[in-house]
Amino acid sequence: MKGRPLKILLVEDNGDHAEMISRSLKSHPLANIIHQVSDGQAALDYLLREGAYEDPKKSPRPDVILLDLRLPKLDGLQVLARIKGTEGLLRIPVVVLTSSDSDLDIAKAYDFHVNSYLVKPIDFNKFNDLMKDLGFYWLSWNVHPLAQASLG
């Protein structure tokens, strides 16, 4: 993944949150391209290259997925289960980024093999710090099979 922009699929229905996440990630020294969809069905269409996303140029494979749980059409847990149950998608790291700190949501997310579960802080500075740490870990430090496949 080094030497090329990192692709992030942001699945977030709250426009203000999506803007904060995008701005925060873009303000840190990481080269990235953010594709944003605002509901669970659009996320699956993007990842499965269906509907408006049939053309791979409109739906490049993300290096990481940032997934909210409270989404219209299909909730984030349904999307996560489908991602982790689909060959070709299951190795893409999924980070749940949500306002829910419910023990049940956390347990279900890990049951569906989420890679990380983060609760969005209300404080903007803490939120910005979280995005910085998230960016450095998942997009710089972490090595996953998709990165290794592209090197070989």
N, C-alpha and C. Protein backbone atom coordinates (compact mmCIF):
# COMPACT_ATOMS: atom_id res chain seq x y z
N MET A 1 0.81 -1.18 0.00
CA MET A 1 0.00 0.00 0.00
C MET A 1 0.86 1.26 0.00
N LYS A 2 2.12 1.11 0.34
CA LYS A 2 2.98 2.29 0.35
C LYS A 2 3.18 2.78 -1.07
N GLY A 3 3.22 4.10 -1.24
CA GLY A 3 3.45 4.67 -2.55
C GLY A 3 2.21 4.91 -3.36
N ARG A 4 1.04 4.55 -2.85
CA ARG A 4 -0.19 4.83 -3.58
C ARG A 4 -1.22 5.36 -2.61
N PRO A 5 -2.16 6.16 -3.10
CA PRO A 5 -3.20 6.65 -2.20
C PRO A 5 -3.98 5.49 -1.60
N LEU A 6 -4.34 5.63 -0.36
CA LEU A 6 -5.13 4.62 0.33
C LEU A 6 -6.60 4.93 0.14
N LYS A 7 -7.36 3.91 -0.17
CA LYS A 7 -8.78 4.09 -0.43
C LYS A 7 -9.59 3.70 0.80
N ILE A 8 -10.47 4.62 1.19
CA ILE A 8 -11.32 4.43 2.35
C ILE A 8 -12.77 4.48 1.88
N LEU A 9 -13.56 3.48 2.27
CA LEU A 9 -15.00 3.55 2.06
C LEU A 9 -15.61 3.98 3.38
N LEU A 10 -16.21 5.15 3.37
CA LEU A 10 -16.87 5.70 4.54
C LEU A 10 -18.37 5.48 4.39
N VAL A 11 -18.95 4.71 5.31
CA VAL A 11 -20.38 4.43 5.28
C VAL A 11 -21.00 5.18 6.46
N GLU A 12 -21.55 6.35 6.16
CA GLU A 12 -22.03 7.27 7.19
C GLU A 12 -23.20 8.05 6.65
N ASP A 13 -24.34 8.02 7.35
CA ASP A 13 -25.52 8.72 6.88
C ASP A 13 -25.63 10.14 7.42
N ASN A 14 -24.90 10.46 8.46
CA ASN A 14 -24.94 11.81 9.02
C ASN A 14 -23.94 12.68 8.28
N GLY A 15 -24.45 13.64 7.51
CA GLY A 15 -23.59 14.50 6.70
C GLY A 15 -22.54 15.25 7.50
N ASP A 16 -22.92 15.73 8.69
CA ASP A 16 -21.95 16.44 9.54
C ASP A 16 -20.83 15.51 10.00
N HIS A 17 -21.19 14.29 10.40
CA HIS A 17 -20.17 13.33 10.83
C HIS A 17 -19.27 12.96 9.65
N ALA A 18 -19.86 12.73 8.49
CA ALA A 18 -19.06 12.38 7.31
C ALA A 18 -18.07 13.48 6.98
N GLU A 19 -18.53 14.72 7.05
CA GLU A 19 -17.64 15.85 6.77
C GLU A 19 -16.51 15.93 7.80
N MET A 20 -16.83 15.75 9.07
CA MET A 20 -15.80 15.78 10.12
C MET A 20 -14.77 14.67 9.92
N ILE A 21 -15.25 13.48 9.60
CA ILE A 21 -14.34 12.35 9.38
C ILE A 21 -13.45 12.63 8.18
N SER A 22 -14.04 13.05 7.08
CA SER A 22 -13.27 13.33 5.86
C SER A 22 -12.24 14.42 6.09
N ARG A 23 -12.67 15.52 6.71
CA ARG A 23 -11.73 16.62 6.98
C ARG A 23 -10.61 16.19 7.89
N SER A 24 -10.96 15.45 8.91
CA SER A 24 -9.95 15.00 9.86
C SER A 24 -8.93 14.09 9.20
N LEU A 25 -9.40 13.12 8.42
CA LEU A 25 -8.47 12.22 7.74
C LEU A 25 -7.61 12.95 6.71
N LYS A 26 -8.19 13.91 6.03
CA LYS A 26 -7.44 14.66 5.02
C LYS A 26 -6.46 15.65 5.64
N SER A 27 -6.68 16.02 6.91
CA SER A 27 -5.79 17.00 7.54
C SER A 27 -4.51 16.35 8.07
N HIS A 28 -4.45 15.05 8.08
CA HIS A 28 -3.27 14.35 8.57
C HIS A 28 -2.40 13.93 7.39
N PRO A 29 -1.12 13.72 7.65
CA PRO A 29 -0.19 13.45 6.54
C PRO A 29 -0.31 12.04 5.96
N LEU A 30 -1.49 11.71 5.51
CA LEU A 30 -1.73 10.43 4.88
C LEU A 30 -2.36 10.68 3.51
N ALA A 31 -1.84 10.00 2.52
CA ALA A 31 -2.45 10.11 1.19
C ALA A 31 -3.65 9.17 1.18
N ASN A 32 -4.84 9.72 1.00
CA ASN A 32 -6.00 8.85 0.95
C ASN A 32 -7.09 9.41 0.04
N ILE A 33 -7.91 8.51 -0.41
CA ILE A 33 -9.06 8.83 -1.23
C ILE A 33 -10.27 8.29 -0.47
N ILE A 34 -11.23 9.16 -0.21
CA ILE A 34 -12.40 8.76 0.56
C ILE A 34 -13.62 8.69 -0.36
N HIS A 35 -14.24 7.52 -0.38
CA HIS A 35 -15.51 7.32 -1.08
C HIS A 35 -16.56 7.19 0.01
N GLN A 36 -17.63 8.00 -0.08
CA GLN A 36 -18.64 7.98 0.97
C GLN A 36 -19.99 7.57 0.41
N VAL A 37 -20.66 6.68 1.13
CA VAL A 37 -22.04 6.31 0.84
C VAL A 37 -22.84 6.53 2.12
N SER A 38 -24.14 6.74 1.97
CA SER A 38 -24.92 7.16 3.14
C SER A 38 -25.96 6.16 3.63
N ASP A 39 -25.95 4.93 3.10
CA ASP A 39 -26.84 3.91 3.65
C ASP A 39 -26.24 2.53 3.44
N GLY A 40 -26.78 1.58 4.18
CA GLY A 40 -26.25 0.23 4.14
C GLY A 40 -26.37 -0.45 2.79
N GLN A 41 -27.48 -0.23 2.10
CA GLN A 41 -27.65 -0.85 0.79
C GLN A 41 -26.65 -0.28 -0.21
N ALA A 42 -26.40 1.02 -0.17
CA ALA A 42 -25.41 1.63 -1.06
C ALA A 42 -24.02 1.08 -0.78
N ALA A 43 -23.72 0.81 0.49
CA ALA A 43 -22.42 0.23 0.83
C ALA A 43 -22.25 -1.14 0.18
N LEU A 44 -23.29 -1.97 0.27
CA LEU A 44 -23.20 -3.29 -0.35
C LEU A 44 -23.17 -3.19 -1.87
N ASP A 45 -23.97 -2.29 -2.44
CA ASP A 45 -23.93 -2.09 -3.89
C ASP A 45 -22.52 -1.71 -4.32
N TYR A 46 -21.89 -0.80 -3.58
CA TYR A 46 -20.52 -0.37 -3.88
C TYR A 46 -19.56 -1.56 -3.82
N LEU A 47 -19.62 -2.29 -2.72
CA LEU A 47 -18.66 -3.38 -2.52
C LEU A 47 -18.90 -4.56 -3.46
N LEU A 48 -20.16 -4.83 -3.79
CA LEU A 48 -20.50 -5.95 -4.68
C LEU A 48 -20.57 -5.53 -6.14
N ARG A 49 -20.34 -4.23 -6.37
CA ARG A 49 -20.36 -3.65 -7.72
C ARG A 49 -21.68 -3.93 -8.42
N GLU A 50 -22.73 -3.46 -7.77
CA GLU A 50 -24.08 -3.61 -8.31
C GLU A 50 -24.70 -2.23 -8.48
N GLY A 51 -25.76 -2.16 -9.28
CA GLY A 51 -26.50 -0.91 -9.46
C GLY A 51 -25.61 0.20 -9.98
N ALA A 52 -25.64 1.32 -9.31
CA ALA A 52 -24.87 2.50 -9.74
C ALA A 52 -23.36 2.28 -9.67
N TYR A 53 -22.93 1.19 -9.03
CA TYR A 53 -21.49 0.95 -8.83
C TYR A 53 -20.96 -0.24 -9.64
N GLU A 54 -21.67 -0.61 -10.71
CA GLU A 54 -21.23 -1.74 -11.53
C GLU A 54 -19.84 -1.52 -12.12
N ASP A 55 -19.55 -0.30 -12.50
CA ASP A 55 -18.26 0.03 -13.10
C ASP A 55 -17.19 0.07 -12.00
N PRO A 56 -16.17 -0.80 -12.09
CA PRO A 56 -15.12 -0.81 -11.06
C PRO A 56 -14.43 0.55 -10.87
N LYS A 57 -14.48 1.41 -11.88
CA LYS A 57 -13.89 2.74 -11.73
C LYS A 57 -14.69 3.58 -10.72
N LYS A 58 -15.97 3.26 -10.58
CA LYS A 58 -16.82 3.97 -9.62
C LYS A 58 -16.81 3.31 -8.24
N SER A 59 -16.19 2.13 -8.17
CA SER A 59 -16.19 1.39 -6.91
C SER A 59 -14.85 0.68 -6.68
N PRO A 60 -13.75 1.44 -6.63
CA PRO A 60 -12.46 0.78 -6.38
C PRO A 60 -12.46 0.10 -5.01
N ARG A 61 -11.78 -1.02 -4.91
CA ARG A 61 -11.73 -1.76 -3.66
C ARG A 61 -11.07 -0.90 -2.58
N PRO A 62 -11.74 -0.75 -1.45
CA PRO A 62 -11.15 0.05 -0.37
C PRO A 62 -10.06 -0.73 0.36
N ASP A 63 -9.14 0.02 0.95
CA ASP A 63 -8.13 -0.57 1.82
C ASP A 63 -8.69 -0.77 3.22
N VAL A 64 -9.69 0.02 3.57
CA VAL A 64 -10.36 -0.07 4.86
C VAL A 64 -11.77 0.50 4.72
N ILE A 65 -12.69 -0.04 5.51
CA ILE A 65 -14.08 0.44 5.53
C ILE A 65 -14.36 1.02 6.91
N LEU A 66 -14.83 2.25 6.93
CA LEU A 66 -15.29 2.88 8.17
C LEU A 66 -16.81 2.81 8.15
N LEU A 67 -17.39 2.10 9.09
CA LEU A 67 -18.81 1.73 9.03
C LEU A 67 -19.57 2.21 10.26
N ASP A 68 -20.56 3.06 10.04
CA ASP A 68 -21.48 3.45 11.11
C ASP A 68 -22.47 2.30 11.30
N LEU A 69 -23.08 2.23 12.47
CA LEU A 69 -24.07 1.17 12.71
C LEU A 69 -25.49 1.61 12.41
N ARG A 70 -25.83 2.83 12.74
CA ARG A 70 -27.19 3.32 12.57
C ARG A 70 -27.34 3.91 11.17
N LEU A 71 -27.76 3.06 10.25
CA LEU A 71 -27.87 3.45 8.84
C LEU A 71 -29.27 3.17 8.31
N PRO A 72 -29.71 3.96 7.32
CA PRO A 72 -30.98 3.64 6.66
C PRO A 72 -30.83 2.41 5.76
N LYS A 73 -31.93 1.82 5.42
CA LYS A 73 -32.09 0.68 4.52
C LYS A 73 -31.56 -0.61 5.14
N LEU A 74 -30.28 -0.73 5.36
CA LEU A 74 -29.68 -1.87 6.06
C LEU A 74 -28.78 -1.30 7.15
N ASP A 75 -28.89 -1.85 8.36
CA ASP A 75 -28.03 -1.30 9.41
C ASP A 75 -26.60 -1.82 9.27
N GLY A 76 -25.71 -1.19 9.99
CA GLY A 76 -24.29 -1.50 9.88
C GLY A 76 -23.95 -2.94 10.22
N LEU A 77 -24.66 -3.53 11.19
CA LEU A 77 -24.37 -4.92 11.53
C LEU A 77 -24.75 -5.86 10.38
N GLN A 78 -25.83 -5.56 9.67
CA GLN A 78 -26.20 -6.37 8.50
C GLN A 78 -25.14 -6.23 7.41
N VAL A 79 -24.66 -5.02 7.22
CA VAL A 79 -23.63 -4.78 6.21
C VAL A 79 -22.35 -5.53 6.60
N LEU A 80 -21.96 -5.42 7.86
CA LEU A 80 -20.76 -6.10 8.34
C LEU A 80 -20.86 -7.61 8.15
N ALA A 81 -22.00 -8.19 8.51
CA ALA A 81 -22.17 -9.63 8.34
C ALA A 81 -22.02 -10.05 6.88
N ARG A 82 -22.56 -9.25 5.99
CA ARG A 82 -22.46 -9.57 4.55
C ARG A 82 -21.03 -9.44 4.07
N ILE A 83 -20.33 -8.39 4.49
CA ILE A 83 -18.93 -8.21 4.09
C ILE A 83 -18.10 -9.40 4.55
N LYS A 84 -18.22 -9.74 5.82
CA LYS A 84 -17.37 -10.80 6.38
C LYS A 84 -17.82 -12.19 5.95
N GLY A 85 -18.97 -12.28 5.29
CA GLY A 85 -19.44 -13.56 4.77
C GLY A 85 -19.29 -13.69 3.27
N THR A 86 -18.59 -12.74 2.65
CA THR A 86 -18.46 -12.73 1.19
C THR A 86 -16.99 -12.86 0.79
N GLU A 87 -16.68 -13.95 0.11
CA GLU A 87 -15.32 -14.14 -0.41
C GLU A 87 -14.97 -12.94 -1.28
N GLY A 88 -13.78 -12.45 -1.18
CA GLY A 88 -13.38 -11.28 -1.95
C GLY A 88 -13.55 -9.99 -1.17
N LEU A 89 -14.37 -10.01 -0.13
CA LEU A 89 -14.56 -8.83 0.72
C LEU A 89 -14.09 -9.07 2.15
N LEU A 90 -14.10 -10.31 2.59
CA LEU A 90 -13.91 -10.60 4.01
C LEU A 90 -12.57 -10.17 4.56
N ARG A 91 -11.57 -9.99 3.71
CA ARG A 91 -10.25 -9.58 4.20
C ARG A 91 -10.09 -8.06 4.27
N ILE A 92 -11.06 -7.32 3.77
CA ILE A 92 -10.97 -5.86 3.88
C ILE A 92 -11.23 -5.50 5.34
N PRO A 93 -10.30 -4.78 5.97
CA PRO A 93 -10.53 -4.40 7.36
C PRO A 93 -11.76 -3.50 7.49
N VAL A 94 -12.59 -3.80 8.47
CA VAL A 94 -13.78 -3.00 8.75
C VAL A 94 -13.65 -2.44 10.16
N VAL A 95 -13.75 -1.13 10.25
CA VAL A 95 -13.73 -0.44 11.53
C VAL A 95 -15.11 0.15 11.74
N VAL A 96 -15.80 -0.32 12.78
CA VAL A 96 -17.07 0.30 13.14
C VAL A 96 -16.72 1.62 13.82
N LEU A 97 -17.31 2.68 13.32
CA LEU A 97 -17.12 4.03 13.86
C LEU A 97 -18.52 4.57 14.12
N THR A 98 -18.94 4.53 15.38
CA THR A 98 -20.33 4.78 15.71
C THR A 98 -20.46 5.53 17.02
N SER A 99 -21.64 6.05 17.26
CA SER A 99 -21.91 6.70 18.54
C SER A 99 -22.42 5.70 19.58
N SER A 100 -22.69 4.47 19.17
CA SER A 100 -23.23 3.45 20.08
C SER A 100 -22.13 2.79 20.91
N ASP A 101 -22.29 2.89 22.23
CA ASP A 101 -21.39 2.16 23.11
C ASP A 101 -22.12 1.00 23.79
N SER A 102 -23.20 0.56 23.16
CA SER A 102 -24.00 -0.55 23.68
C SER A 102 -23.19 -1.85 23.69
N ASP A 103 -23.20 -2.53 24.84
CA ASP A 103 -22.49 -3.81 24.95
C ASP A 103 -23.00 -4.80 23.91
N LEU A 104 -24.30 -4.78 23.64
CA LEU A 104 -24.89 -5.69 22.66
C LEU A 104 -24.36 -5.40 21.25
N ASP A 105 -24.30 -4.11 20.87
CA ASP A 105 -23.76 -3.75 19.55
C ASP A 105 -22.30 -4.16 19.43
N ILE A 106 -21.53 -3.92 20.48
CA ILE A 106 -20.11 -4.27 20.45
C ILE A 106 -19.94 -5.78 20.30
N ALA A 107 -20.68 -6.55 21.09
CA ALA A 107 -20.59 -8.01 21.02
C ALA A 107 -21.00 -8.53 19.64
N LYS A 108 -22.10 -8.00 19.10
CA LYS A 108 -22.55 -8.45 17.78
C LYS A 108 -21.53 -8.11 16.70
N ALA A 109 -20.94 -6.92 16.78
CA ALA A 109 -19.93 -6.53 15.79
C ALA A 109 -18.75 -7.50 15.81
N TYR A 110 -18.29 -7.86 17.00
CA TYR A 110 -17.18 -8.81 17.08
C TYR A 110 -17.61 -10.22 16.69
N ASP A 111 -18.87 -10.58 16.93
CA ASP A 111 -19.38 -11.86 16.46
C ASP A 111 -19.31 -11.94 14.93
N PHE A 112 -19.50 -10.78 14.28
CA PHE A 112 -19.44 -10.72 12.81
C PHE A 112 -18.03 -10.39 12.32
N HIS A 113 -17.03 -10.50 13.19
CA HIS A 113 -15.61 -10.38 12.83
C HIS A 113 -15.17 -8.98 12.44
N VAL A 114 -15.72 -7.96 13.11
CA VAL A 114 -15.24 -6.60 12.89
C VAL A 114 -13.76 -6.55 13.28
N ASN A 115 -13.00 -5.71 12.61
CA ASN A 115 -11.58 -5.59 12.94
C ASN A 115 -11.33 -4.64 14.10
N SER A 116 -12.22 -3.67 14.27
CA SER A 116 -12.09 -2.73 15.37
C SER A 116 -13.44 -2.04 15.58
N TYR A 117 -13.69 -1.64 16.82
CA TYR A 117 -14.94 -0.96 17.17
C TYR A 117 -14.58 0.31 17.91
N LEU A 118 -14.92 1.45 17.33
CA LEU A 118 -14.60 2.74 17.92
C LEU A 118 -15.87 3.54 18.15
N VAL A 119 -15.96 4.15 19.33
CA VAL A 119 -17.09 5.00 19.65
C VAL A 119 -16.66 6.44 19.38
N LYS A 120 -17.49 7.15 18.60
CA LYS A 120 -17.19 8.54 18.26
C LYS A 120 -17.28 9.42 19.50
N PRO A 121 -16.19 10.10 19.83
CA PRO A 121 -16.27 11.05 20.95
C PRO A 121 -17.11 12.27 20.55
N ILE A 122 -17.78 12.87 21.53
CA ILE A 122 -18.57 14.07 21.27
C ILE A 122 -17.67 15.28 21.12
N ASP A 123 -16.60 15.34 21.89
CA ASP A 123 -15.66 16.45 21.85
C ASP A 123 -14.89 16.45 20.53
N PHE A 124 -14.88 17.59 19.83
CA PHE A 124 -14.24 17.66 18.51
C PHE A 124 -12.75 17.34 18.57
N ASN A 125 -12.03 17.85 19.56
CA ASN A 125 -10.58 17.60 19.64
C ASN A 125 -10.29 16.12 19.88
N LYS A 126 -11.09 15.49 20.73
CA LYS A 126 -10.92 14.05 20.96
C LYS A 126 -11.26 13.26 19.70
N PHE A 127 -12.30 13.72 18.99
CA PHE A 127 -12.67 13.08 17.74
C PHE A 127 -11.54 13.19 16.72
N ASN A 128 -10.95 14.36 16.63
CA ASN A 128 -9.84 14.58 15.71
C ASN A 128 -8.65 13.70 16.08
N ASP A 129 -8.36 13.59 17.36
CA ASP A 129 -7.27 12.71 17.81
C ASP A 129 -7.56 11.25 17.45
N LEU A 130 -8.82 10.84 17.62
CA LEU A 130 -9.20 9.47 17.27
C LEU A 130 -8.97 9.22 15.78
N MET A 131 -9.35 10.17 14.94
CA MET A 131 -9.17 10.02 13.49
C MET A 131 -7.68 9.95 13.15
N LYS A 132 -6.87 10.75 13.82
CA LYS A 132 -5.42 10.72 13.59
C LYS A 132 -4.86 9.34 13.94
N ASP A 133 -5.22 8.85 15.12
CA ASP A 133 -4.75 7.53 15.54
C ASP A 133 -5.26 6.44 14.61
N LEU A 134 -6.52 6.53 14.23
CA LEU A 134 -7.11 5.57 13.30
C LEU A 134 -6.34 5.57 11.99
N GLY A 135 -6.10 6.75 11.47
CA GLY A 135 -5.37 6.86 10.21
C GLY A 135 -3.99 6.25 10.29
N PHE A 136 -3.26 6.58 11.31
CA PHE A 136 -1.90 6.05 11.42
C PHE A 136 -1.89 4.54 11.61
N TYR A 137 -2.80 4.03 12.42
CA TYR A 137 -2.80 2.59 12.64
C TYR A 137 -3.27 1.81 11.42
N TRP A 138 -4.53 2.06 11.00
CA TRP A 138 -5.11 1.24 9.94
C TRP A 138 -4.57 1.56 8.56
N LEU A 139 -4.15 2.79 8.34
CA LEU A 139 -3.74 3.17 7.00
C LEU A 139 -2.23 3.30 6.82
N SER A 140 -1.48 3.26 7.91
CA SER A 140 -0.02 3.35 7.79
C SER A 140 0.68 2.15 8.41
N TRP A 141 0.37 1.84 9.65
CA TRP A 141 1.10 0.81 10.37
C TRP A 141 0.60 -0.60 10.09
N ASN A 142 -0.69 -0.77 10.03
CA ASN A 142 -1.26 -2.11 9.88
C ASN A 142 -0.96 -2.68 8.50
N VAL A 143 -0.59 -3.96 8.47
CA VAL A 143 -0.37 -4.67 7.20
C VAL A 143 -1.44 -5.74 7.12
N HIS A 144 -2.10 -5.80 5.97
CA HIS A 144 -3.12 -6.82 5.79
C HIS A 144 -2.94 -7.50 4.45
N PRO A 145 -3.61 -8.63 4.22
CA PRO A 145 -3.38 -9.45 3.02
C PRO A 145 -3.56 -8.72 1.70
N LEU A 146 -4.48 -7.77 1.62
CA LEU A 146 -4.67 -7.06 0.36
C LEU A 146 -3.42 -6.27 0.00
N ALA A 147 -2.77 -5.69 0.99
CA ALA A 147 -1.53 -4.93 0.74
C ALA A 147 -0.44 -5.85 0.26
N GLN A 148 -0.30 -7.02 0.89
CA GLN A 148 0.73 -7.95 0.51
C GLN A 148 0.50 -8.49 -0.91
N ALA A 149 -0.77 -8.73 -1.26
CA ALA A 149 -1.08 -9.24 -2.60
C ALA A 149 -0.69 -8.23 -3.66
N SER A 150 -0.84 -6.92 -3.36
CA SER A 150 -0.53 -5.92 -4.36
C SER A 150 0.98 -5.71 -4.51
N LEU A 151 1.76 -6.20 -3.53
CA LEU A 151 3.22 -6.09 -3.62
C LEU A 151 3.82 -7.21 -4.43
N GLY A 152 3.12 -8.33 -4.51
CA GLY A 152 3.69 -9.51 -5.12
C GLY A 152 3.44 -9.66 -6.56
